[in-house]
Amino acid sequence: MAGQIIAVDWDHTLFDTPNNRPMEGARDALSDLHERGHRVWVFSCNSPDWIRKMCDEHDLRVDGIWGENGETGKILATVYIDDRAVPFGGDWAEAVIDALDLVEARPVK
């Protein structure tokens, strides 16, 4: 399969923001995705400039950070990796249950 764009969330997925370091295994995972020919784009509500600085300081190889060049809207990616995602498999009743379970387990404060 030709290289695809993989969108990866920043906070609590690639980067342990409270401890100011990459999540365990993140650097190796990024390398593996690149070795397989894929491109990795970071998406986040955080400042793209700060994310770029952290990527450079912690040797996290990413192909882009959504918003750093004025991009807006949703990233056109093949897949999204996000710690708060609920996969949708075509059954809305199941998706709602999964979403409510996540809301109860990890509310935003």
Protein backbone atom coordinates (compact mmCIF):
# COMPACT_ATOMS: atom_id res chain seq x y z
CA MET A 1 0.00 0.00 0.00
CA ALA A 2 1.31 3.44 -0.90
CA GLY A 3 2.24 5.70 1.97
CA GLN A 4 -0.74 7.21 3.74
CA ILE A 5 -1.25 10.21 6.00
CA ILE A 6 -1.70 9.22 9.63
CA ALA A 7 -3.00 11.97 11.92
CA VAL A 8 -1.86 11.70 15.53
CA ASP A 9 -3.16 13.66 18.50
CA TRP A 10 -0.54 15.47 20.58
CA ASP A 11 -1.63 15.60 24.25
CA HIS A 12 -1.62 12.23 26.02
CA THR A 13 -1.04 10.43 22.72
CA LEU A 14 2.35 11.55 21.39
CA PHE A 15 3.31 13.77 24.30
CA ASP A 16 2.92 13.53 28.06
CA THR A 17 2.29 17.24 28.50
CA PRO A 18 2.15 17.34 32.33
CA ASN A 19 5.59 15.70 32.47
CA ASN A 20 6.93 17.54 29.39
CA ARG A 21 8.18 14.43 27.59
CA PRO A 22 7.14 12.07 24.80
CA MET A 23 4.78 9.24 25.69
CA GLU A 24 6.60 5.96 26.15
CA GLY A 25 7.18 4.34 22.77
CA ALA A 26 6.14 7.42 20.76
CA ARG A 27 9.52 8.02 19.12
CA ASP A 28 9.82 4.37 18.04
CA ALA A 29 6.24 4.34 16.76
CA LEU A 30 6.87 7.43 14.62
CA SER A 31 10.02 5.83 13.21
CA ASP A 32 8.14 2.64 12.42
CA LEU A 33 5.38 4.52 10.59
CA HIS A 34 7.96 6.43 8.54
CA GLU A 35 9.92 3.26 7.74
CA ARG A 36 6.68 1.80 6.36
CA GLY A 37 6.37 4.80 4.05
CA HIS A 38 3.66 6.74 5.86
CA ARG A 39 3.53 10.43 6.70
CA VAL A 40 2.60 11.56 10.21
CA TRP A 41 0.79 14.80 10.91
CA VAL A 42 0.13 16.05 14.43
CA PHE A 43 -3.21 17.61 15.26
CA SER A 44 -3.91 19.44 18.49
CA CYS A 45 -5.55 22.43 20.14
CA ASN A 46 -2.09 23.42 21.39
CA SER A 47 0.11 25.99 19.70
CA PRO A 48 1.75 24.55 16.57
CA ASP A 49 4.88 26.57 17.38
CA TRP A 50 5.16 24.98 20.83
CA ILE A 51 4.53 21.51 19.40
CA ARG A 52 7.25 22.05 16.76
CA LYS A 53 9.65 23.16 19.50
CA MET A 54 8.88 20.02 21.56
CA CYS A 55 9.26 17.78 18.48
CA ASP A 56 12.67 19.32 17.76
CA GLU A 57 13.82 19.12 21.40
CA HIS A 58 12.69 15.50 21.82
CA ASP A 59 13.62 14.22 18.37
CA LEU A 60 10.04 13.38 17.39
CA ARG A 61 9.97 13.06 13.61
CA VAL A 62 6.70 14.34 12.19
CA ASP A 63 5.90 15.45 8.65
CA GLY A 64 3.73 18.33 9.72
CA ILE A 65 1.78 19.97 12.49
CA TRP A 66 -1.71 20.95 11.46
CA GLY A 67 -2.06 24.72 11.61
CA GLU A 68 1.62 25.66 11.52
CA ASN A 69 1.29 26.75 7.89
CA GLY A 70 -2.22 28.16 8.21
CA GLU A 71 -4.10 24.91 7.59
CA THR A 72 -7.68 24.90 8.84
CA GLY A 73 -10.48 22.39 9.02
CA LYS A 74 -10.06 18.67 9.50
CA ILE A 75 -6.89 16.87 8.46
CA LEU A 76 -7.50 14.64 5.46
CA ALA A 77 -5.96 11.45 6.81
CA THR A 78 -6.42 7.74 6.35
CA VAL A 79 -6.57 7.13 10.09
CA TYR A 80 -6.54 9.12 13.33
CA ILE A 81 -4.73 8.03 16.49
CA ASP A 82 -6.22 9.82 19.49
CA ASP A 83 -6.57 8.92 23.17
CA ARG A 84 -10.14 10.24 23.20
CA ALA A 85 -11.39 8.65 20.00
CA VAL A 86 -14.45 6.43 19.71
CA PRO A 87 -14.30 4.31 16.57
CA PHE A 88 -17.49 4.30 14.51
CA GLY A 89 -18.28 0.90 13.05
CA GLY A 90 -21.66 1.76 11.56
CA ASP A 91 -23.80 1.22 14.66
CA TRP A 92 -24.85 4.49 16.29
CA ALA A 93 -26.34 2.81 19.37
CA GLU A 94 -23.00 1.15 20.06
CA ALA A 95 -21.07 4.36 19.35
CA VAL A 96 -23.21 6.32 21.84
CA ILE A 97 -22.62 3.72 24.55
CA ASP A 98 -18.87 3.78 23.86
CA ALA A 99 -18.84 7.59 23.88
CA LEU A 100 -20.76 7.80 27.17
CA ASP A 101 -18.41 5.26 28.75
CA LEU A 102 -15.48 7.45 27.75
CA VAL A 103 -17.20 10.62 29.00
CA GLU A 104 -17.81 9.03 32.40
CA ALA A 105 -14.30 7.61 32.65
CA ARG A 106 -12.38 10.69 31.48
CA PRO A 107 -14.27 13.96 31.67
CA VAL A 108 -12.51 17.12 30.57
CA LYS A 109 -11.85 19.34 33.59
